[in-house]
Amino acid sequence: MTRPTITASAMLAGAILLGTGLACKKPEPMQAPAPVKQGPTQAELDAKAAADRKAAEEAKRRQAELEAAKKAEEAKRLAAENAAALKRAAAEALKDIHFDYDKSEIKAEDRAQLQKISDFLKAYPAVKVEIQGHCDERGTNEYNLALGNRRASATLQYLMALGSPDQKFTLISFGKEKPLCTEGNEACWRKNRRAHFELK
């Protein structure tokens, strides 16, 4: 078998075609060099530091507001608890004492009650109490107002003897104006002859 021979003209034609193909090929586009990364400018650093400071101050202010609100809520809760405790203690201690007909002397049976009132006032030194003198319906208005005043005064003197300062009290006489009971009998009149205590 004979080998094909490549003639010089065929070689020349091949070279021309190859050169033509290379000449028509588009050149690859040149890539721009990657930009060199630069750090932030001083102005940018200063702006970030200022923003960070502002954010920290705002967080601190909000935390302070939150703590103040918690303290206020706790103080409110404690005040409500203290007020409720005072109300309960007053209801227990400030009970009426009673007097004999046309009398203003403290009865032996009421001394323990007055001691409870004195103890209550020592436990709550800021408290002020109004002592009200009351009478039954018998007698004139004027007489009963004077008798109610004597009853309130006798009660005050007894409490002072137990150690309660007089500036804790105010006195008032209602005479027969505010009866607890309106039936015309001794059981009812006994309830009305009293010293009554009100928180002020």
C-alpha atoms as a PDB file:
ATOM      1  CA  MET A   1       0.000   0.000   0.000  1.00  0.00           C
ATOM      2  CA  THR A   2       1.429   3.335  -0.991  1.00  0.00           C
ATOM      3  CA  ARG A   3       1.445   6.348   1.374  1.00  0.00           C
ATOM      4  CA  PRO A   4      -0.292   9.456   0.184  1.00  0.00           C
ATOM      5  CA  THR A   5       2.155  12.167  -0.610  1.00  0.00           C
ATOM      6  CA  ILE A   6       1.530  15.702   0.409  1.00  0.00           C
ATOM      7  CA  THR A   7       2.494  18.074  -2.241  1.00  0.00           C
ATOM      8  CA  ALA A   8       4.007  21.405  -1.597  1.00  0.00           C
ATOM      9  CA  SER A   9       0.940  23.118  -3.001  1.00  0.00           C
ATOM     10  CA  ALA A  10      -1.310  21.234  -0.583  1.00  0.00           C
ATOM     11  CA  MET A  11       0.896  22.200   2.289  1.00  0.00           C
ATOM     12  CA  LEU A  12       0.824  25.779   1.191  1.00  0.00           C
ATOM     13  CA  ALA A  13      -2.955  25.770   0.912  1.00  0.00           C
ATOM     14  CA  GLY A  14      -3.229  24.280   4.414  1.00  0.00           C
ATOM     15  CA  ALA A  15      -0.967  26.894   5.859  1.00  0.00           C
ATOM     16  CA  ILE A  16      -2.974  29.666   4.233  1.00  0.00           C
ATOM     17  CA  LEU A  17      -6.210  28.283   5.583  1.00  0.00           C
ATOM     18  CA  LEU A  18      -4.747  27.947   9.054  1.00  0.00           C
ATOM     19  CA  GLY A  19      -3.398  31.484   8.954  1.00  0.00           C
ATOM     20  CA  THR A  20      -6.757  32.795   7.776  1.00  0.00           C
ATOM     21  CA  GLY A  21      -8.540  31.034  10.641  1.00  0.00           C
ATOM     22  CA  LEU A  22      -6.179  32.435  13.187  1.00  0.00           C
ATOM     23  CA  ALA A  23      -6.462  35.893  11.734  1.00  0.00           C
ATOM     24  CA  CYS A  24     -10.288  35.829  11.988  1.00  0.00           C
ATOM     25  CA  LYS A  25     -10.398  34.688  15.613  1.00  0.00           C
ATOM     26  CA  LYS A  26     -11.552  37.438  17.991  1.00  0.00           C
ATOM     27  CA  PRO A  27      -9.065  38.347  20.653  1.00  0.00           C
ATOM     28  CA  GLU A  28      -9.982  37.515  24.246  1.00  0.00           C
ATOM     29  CA  PRO A  29     -11.205  40.644  26.122  1.00  0.00           C
ATOM     30  CA  MET A  30      -8.770  41.941  28.673  1.00  0.00           C
ATOM     31  CA  GLN A  31      -9.968  41.730  32.259  1.00  0.00           C
ATOM     32  CA  ALA A  32      -9.676  44.802  34.395  1.00  0.00           C
ATOM     33  CA  PRO A  33      -7.394  44.270  37.330  1.00  0.00           C
ATOM     34  CA  ALA A  34      -9.236  43.556  40.625  1.00  0.00           C
ATOM     35  CA  PRO A  35      -9.560  46.725  42.685  1.00  0.00           C
ATOM     36  CA  VAL A  36      -7.265  46.879  45.639  1.00  0.00           C
ATOM     37  CA  LYS A  37      -9.275  46.806  48.873  1.00  0.00           C
ATOM     38  CA  GLN A  38      -8.731  49.856  51.005  1.00  0.00           C
ATOM     39  CA  GLY A  39      -9.602  50.247  54.721  1.00  0.00           C
ATOM     40  CA  PRO A  40     -12.250  52.719  55.934  1.00  0.00           C
ATOM     41  CA  THR A  41     -11.327  56.371  55.956  1.00  0.00           C
ATOM     42  CA  GLN A  42     -10.824  58.255  59.199  1.00  0.00           C
ATOM     43  CA  ALA A  43     -14.138  60.057  58.662  1.00  0.00           C
ATOM     44  CA  GLU A  44     -15.911  56.712  58.343  1.00  0.00           C
ATOM     45  CA  LEU A  45     -14.219  55.421  61.501  1.00  0.00           C
ATOM     46  CA  ASP A  46     -15.209  58.583  63.408  1.00  0.00           C
ATOM     47  CA  ALA A  47     -18.821  58.304  62.195  1.00  0.00           C
ATOM     48  CA  LYS A  48     -18.999  54.644  63.281  1.00  0.00           C
ATOM     49  CA  ALA A  49     -17.527  55.450  66.691  1.00  0.00           C
ATOM     50  CA  ALA A  50     -20.069  58.270  67.144  1.00  0.00           C
ATOM     51  CA  ALA A  51     -22.932  55.957  66.116  1.00  0.00           C
ATOM     52  CA  ASP A  52     -21.695  53.285  68.547  1.00  0.00           C
ATOM     53  CA  ARG A  53     -21.504  55.834  71.366  1.00  0.00           C
ATOM     54  CA  LYS A  54     -25.004  57.070  70.599  1.00  0.00           C
ATOM     55  CA  ALA A  55     -26.376  53.506  70.546  1.00  0.00           C
ATOM     56  CA  ALA A  56     -24.657  52.720  73.879  1.00  0.00           C
ATOM     57  CA  GLU A  57     -26.058  55.900  75.453  1.00  0.00           C
ATOM     58  CA  GLU A  58     -29.552  55.070  74.172  1.00  0.00           C
ATOM     59  CA  ALA A  59     -29.306  51.525  75.564  1.00  0.00           C
ATOM     60  CA  LYS A  60     -28.123  52.933  78.908  1.00  0.00           C
ATOM     61  CA  ARG A  61     -31.013  55.445  78.967  1.00  0.00           C
ATOM     62  CA  ARG A  62     -33.556  52.715  78.216  1.00  0.00           C
ATOM     63  CA  GLN A  63     -32.075  50.488  80.927  1.00  0.00           C
ATOM     64  CA  ALA A  64     -32.275  53.373  83.431  1.00  0.00           C
ATOM     65  CA  GLU A  65     -35.915  54.018  82.461  1.00  0.00           C
ATOM     66  CA  LEU A  66     -36.720  50.322  82.855  1.00  0.00           C
ATOM     67  CA  GLU A  67     -35.084  50.184  86.286  1.00  0.00           C
ATOM     68  CA  ALA A  68     -36.882  53.382  87.374  1.00  0.00           C
ATOM     69  CA  ALA A  69     -40.212  51.923  86.217  1.00  0.00           C
ATOM     70  CA  LYS A  70     -39.512  48.707  88.142  1.00  0.00           C
ATOM     71  CA  LYS A  71     -38.637  50.679  91.284  1.00  0.00           C
ATOM     72  CA  ALA A  72     -41.788  52.784  90.934  1.00  0.00           C
ATOM     73  CA  GLU A  73     -43.904  49.653  90.486  1.00  0.00           C
ATOM     74  CA  GLU A  74     -42.282  48.032  93.527  1.00  0.00           C
ATOM     75  CA  ALA A  75     -42.822  51.191  95.610  1.00  0.00           C
ATOM     76  CA  LYS A  76     -46.455  51.274  94.501  1.00  0.00           C
ATOM     77  CA  ARG A  77     -46.907  47.623  95.449  1.00  0.00           C
ATOM     78  CA  LEU A  78     -45.315  48.161  98.864  1.00  0.00           C
ATOM     79  CA  ALA A  79     -47.435  51.258  99.479  1.00  0.00           C
ATOM     80  CA  ALA A  80     -50.587  49.290  98.648  1.00  0.00           C
ATOM     81  CA  GLU A  81     -49.502  46.463 100.969  1.00  0.00           C
ATOM     82  CA  ASN A  82     -48.729  48.921 103.770  1.00  0.00           C
ATOM     83  CA  ALA A  83     -52.062  50.690 103.300  1.00  0.00           C
ATOM     84  CA  ALA A  84     -53.898  47.367 103.428  1.00  0.00           C
ATOM     85  CA  ALA A  85     -51.966  46.329 106.558  1.00  0.00           C
ATOM     86  CA  LEU A  86     -52.787  49.667 108.215  1.00  0.00           C
ATOM     87  CA  LYS A  87     -56.451  49.297 107.345  1.00  0.00           C
ATOM     88  CA  ARG A  88     -56.577  45.785 108.819  1.00  0.00           C
ATOM     89  CA  ALA A  89     -54.741  46.851 111.988  1.00  0.00           C
ATOM     90  CA  ALA A  90     -57.018  49.885 112.405  1.00  0.00           C
ATOM     91  CA  ALA A  91     -60.142  47.760 112.005  1.00  0.00           C
ATOM     92  CA  GLU A  92     -58.821  45.443 114.709  1.00  0.00           C
ATOM     93  CA  ALA A  93     -57.699  48.146 117.161  1.00  0.00           C
ATOM     94  CA  LEU A  94     -60.031  51.112 116.731  1.00  0.00           C
ATOM     95  CA  LYS A  95     -63.174  49.741 118.338  1.00  0.00           C
ATOM     96  CA  ASP A  96     -65.669  51.800 120.306  1.00  0.00           C
ATOM     97  CA  ILE A  97     -65.659  52.087 124.069  1.00  0.00           C
ATOM     98  CA  HIS A  98     -68.871  52.759 126.007  1.00  0.00           C
ATOM     99  CA  PHE A  99     -70.022  54.902 128.934  1.00  0.00           C
ATOM    100  CA  ASP A 100     -72.615  54.711 131.661  1.00  0.00           C
ATOM    101  CA  TYR A 101     -75.648  56.977 131.520  1.00  0.00           C
ATOM    102  CA  ASP A 102     -74.710  60.638 131.990  1.00  0.00           C
ATOM    103  CA  LYS A 103     -71.071  59.670 132.742  1.00  0.00           C
ATOM    104  CA  SER A 104     -67.718  60.307 131.069  1.00  0.00           C
ATOM    105  CA  GLU A 105     -65.475  58.080 133.190  1.00  0.00           C
ATOM    106  CA  ILE A 106     -63.568  55.260 131.472  1.00  0.00           C
ATOM    107  CA  LYS A 107     -65.022  51.907 132.498  1.00  0.00           C
ATOM    108  CA  ALA A 108     -62.710  49.122 133.719  1.00  0.00           C
ATOM    109  CA  GLU A 109     -63.959  46.808 130.979  1.00  0.00           C
ATOM    110  CA  ASP A 110     -62.786  49.266 128.268  1.00  0.00           C
ATOM    111  CA  ARG A 111     -59.201  49.665 129.491  1.00  0.00           C
ATOM    112  CA  ALA A 112     -57.970  46.655 127.530  1.00  0.00           C
ATOM    113  CA  GLN A 113     -59.485  48.120 124.362  1.00  0.00           C
ATOM    114  CA  LEU A 114     -57.767  51.465 124.972  1.00  0.00           C
ATOM    115  CA  GLN A 115     -54.484  49.595 125.468  1.00  0.00           C
ATOM    116  CA  LYS A 116     -54.975  48.014 122.008  1.00  0.00           C
ATOM    117  CA  ILE A 117     -55.496  51.485 120.553  1.00  0.00           C
ATOM    118  CA  SER A 118     -52.331  52.734 122.271  1.00  0.00           C
ATOM    119  CA  ASP A 119     -50.346  49.766 120.934  1.00  0.00           C
ATOM    120  CA  PHE A 120     -51.714  50.387 117.433  1.00  0.00           C
ATOM    121  CA  LEU A 121     -50.622  54.034 117.592  1.00  0.00           C
ATOM    122  CA  LYS A 122     -47.124  52.991 118.678  1.00  0.00           C
ATOM    123  CA  ALA A 123     -46.921  50.532 115.765  1.00  0.00           C
ATOM    124  CA  TYR A 124     -48.048  53.220 113.296  1.00  0.00           C
ATOM    125  CA  PRO A 125     -46.444  56.466 114.541  1.00  0.00           C
ATOM    126  CA  ALA A 126     -47.567  58.523 111.525  1.00  0.00           C
ATOM    127  CA  VAL A 127     -51.249  57.782 112.125  1.00  0.00           C
ATOM    128  CA  LYS A 128     -53.667  60.406 113.450  1.00  0.00           C
ATOM    129  CA  VAL A 129     -56.996  59.520 115.011  1.00  0.00           C
ATOM    130  CA  GLU A 130     -60.195  61.453 115.564  1.00  0.00           C
ATOM    131  CA  ILE A 131     -61.960  60.659 118.851  1.00  0.00           C
ATOM    132  CA  GLN A 132     -65.707  61.212 118.559  1.00  0.00           C
ATOM    133  CA  GLY A 133     -67.914  61.571 121.630  1.00  0.00           C
ATOM    134  CA  HIS A 134     -71.506  60.284 121.300  1.00  0.00           C
ATOM    135  CA  CYS A 135     -74.560  60.196 123.580  1.00  0.00           C
ATOM    136  CA  ASP A 136     -77.971  58.583 123.656  1.00  0.00           C
ATOM    137  CA  GLU A 137     -81.112  60.491 122.689  1.00  0.00           C
ATOM    138  CA  ARG A 138     -82.081  61.666 126.191  1.00  0.00           C
ATOM    139  CA  GLY A 139     -81.309  65.248 127.173  1.00  0.00           C
ATOM    140  CA  THR A 140     -81.012  68.471 125.176  1.00  0.00           C
ATOM    141  CA  ASN A 141     -78.733  68.922 122.204  1.00  0.00           C
ATOM    142  CA  GLU A 142     -76.538  71.368 124.129  1.00  0.00           C
ATOM    143  CA  TYR A 143     -76.176  69.085 127.126  1.00  0.00           C
ATOM    144  CA  ASN A 144     -75.353  66.057 124.970  1.00  0.00           C
ATOM    145  CA  LEU A 145     -72.786  67.989 122.914  1.00  0.00           C
ATOM    146  CA  ALA A 146     -71.024  68.945 126.164  1.00  0.00           C
ATOM    147  CA  LEU A 147     -71.277  65.376 127.482  1.00  0.00           C
ATOM    148  CA  GLY A 148     -69.916  63.962 124.212  1.00  0.00           C
ATOM    149  CA  ASN A 149     -66.999  66.380 124.477  1.00  0.00           C
ATOM    150  CA  ARG A 150     -66.257  65.224 128.046  1.00  0.00           C
ATOM    151  CA  ARG A 151     -66.295  61.598 126.877  1.00  0.00           C
ATOM    152  CA  ALA A 152     -63.883  62.304 124.017  1.00  0.00           C
ATOM    153  CA  SER A 153     -61.605  64.274 126.377  1.00  0.00           C
ATOM    154  CA  ALA A 154     -61.608  61.505 129.002  1.00  0.00           C
ATOM    155  CA  THR A 155     -60.672  59.012 126.303  1.00  0.00           C
ATOM    156  CA  LEU A 156     -57.819  61.241 125.129  1.00  0.00           C
ATOM    157  CA  GLN A 157     -56.502  61.673 128.690  1.00  0.00           C
ATOM    158  CA  TYR A 158     -56.484  57.913 129.201  1.00  0.00           C
ATOM    159  CA  LEU A 159     -54.608  57.293 125.921  1.00  0.00           C
ATOM    160  CA  MET A 160     -52.067  59.982 126.825  1.00  0.00           C
ATOM    161  CA  ALA A 161     -51.522  58.258 130.175  1.00  0.00           C
ATOM    162  CA  LEU A 162     -50.695  55.114 128.180  1.00  0.00           C
ATOM    163  CA  GLY A 163     -48.004  57.027 126.286  1.00  0.00           C
ATOM    164  CA  SER A 164     -49.810  58.306 123.183  1.00  0.00           C
ATOM    165  CA  PRO A 165     -48.947  61.962 122.427  1.00  0.00           C
ATOM    166  CA  ASP A 166     -51.916  64.325 122.228  1.00  0.00           C
ATOM    167  CA  GLN A 167     -50.909  65.652 118.784  1.00  0.00           C
ATOM    168  CA  LYS A 168     -51.995  62.311 117.348  1.00  0.00           C
ATOM    169  CA  PHE A 169     -55.623  63.133 118.111  1.00  0.00           C
ATOM    170  CA  THR A 170     -58.425  65.460 117.210  1.00  0.00           C
ATOM    171  CA  LEU A 171     -61.594  65.580 119.301  1.00  0.00           C
ATOM    172  CA  ILE A 172     -65.178  66.139 118.237  1.00  0.00           C
ATOM    173  CA  SER A 173     -68.552  65.733 119.948  1.00  0.00           C
ATOM    174  CA  PHE A 174     -71.622  64.674 117.996  1.00  0.00           C
ATOM    175  CA  GLY A 175     -73.879  64.591 121.048  1.00  0.00           C
ATOM    176  CA  LYS A 176     -76.943  62.603 120.060  1.00  0.00           C
ATOM    177  CA  GLU A 177     -76.733  63.486 116.345  1.00  0.00           C
ATOM    178  CA  LYS A 178     -75.299  60.155 115.091  1.00  0.00           C
ATOM    179  CA  PRO A 179     -76.908  57.248 116.961  1.00  0.00           C
ATOM    180  CA  LEU A 180     -75.975  53.680 116.085  1.00  0.00           C
ATOM    181  CA  CYS A 181     -79.387  52.485 117.244  1.00  0.00           C
ATOM    182  CA  THR A 182     -82.707  54.353 117.144  1.00  0.00           C
ATOM    183  CA  GLU A 183     -84.907  52.180 119.362  1.00  0.00           C
ATOM    184  CA  GLY A 184     -86.065  53.887 122.564  1.00  0.00           C
ATOM    185  CA  ASN A 185     -84.760  51.342 125.106  1.00  0.00           C
ATOM    186  CA  GLU A 186     -81.762  50.872 127.386  1.00  0.00           C
ATOM    187  CA  ALA A 187     -80.084  48.234 125.182  1.00  0.00           C
ATOM    188  CA  CYS A 188     -80.125  50.690 122.308  1.00  0.00           C
ATOM    189  CA  TRP A 189     -79.054  53.707 124.406  1.00  0.00           C
ATOM    190  CA  ARG A 190     -76.100  51.714 125.770  1.00  0.00           C
ATOM    191  CA  LYS A 191     -74.747  51.310 122.210  1.00  0.00           C
ATOM    192  CA  ASN A 192     -75.045  55.044 121.554  1.00  0.00           C
ATOM    193  CA  ARG A 193     -73.117  56.184 124.679  1.00  0.00           C
ATOM    194  CA  ARG A 194     -69.686  55.724 123.171  1.00  0.00           C
ATOM    195  CA  ALA A 195     -66.347  57.080 122.041  1.00  0.00           C
ATOM    196  CA  HIS A 196     -65.724  56.225 118.391  1.00  0.00           C
ATOM    197  CA  PHE A 197     -62.330  56.328 116.613  1.00  0.00           C
ATOM    198  CA  GLU A 198     -61.660  57.312 112.993  1.00  0.00           C
ATOM    199  CA  LEU A 199     -58.341  57.335 111.104  1.00  0.00           C
ATOM    200  CA  LYS A 200     -57.417  60.785 109.808  1.00  0.00           C
END
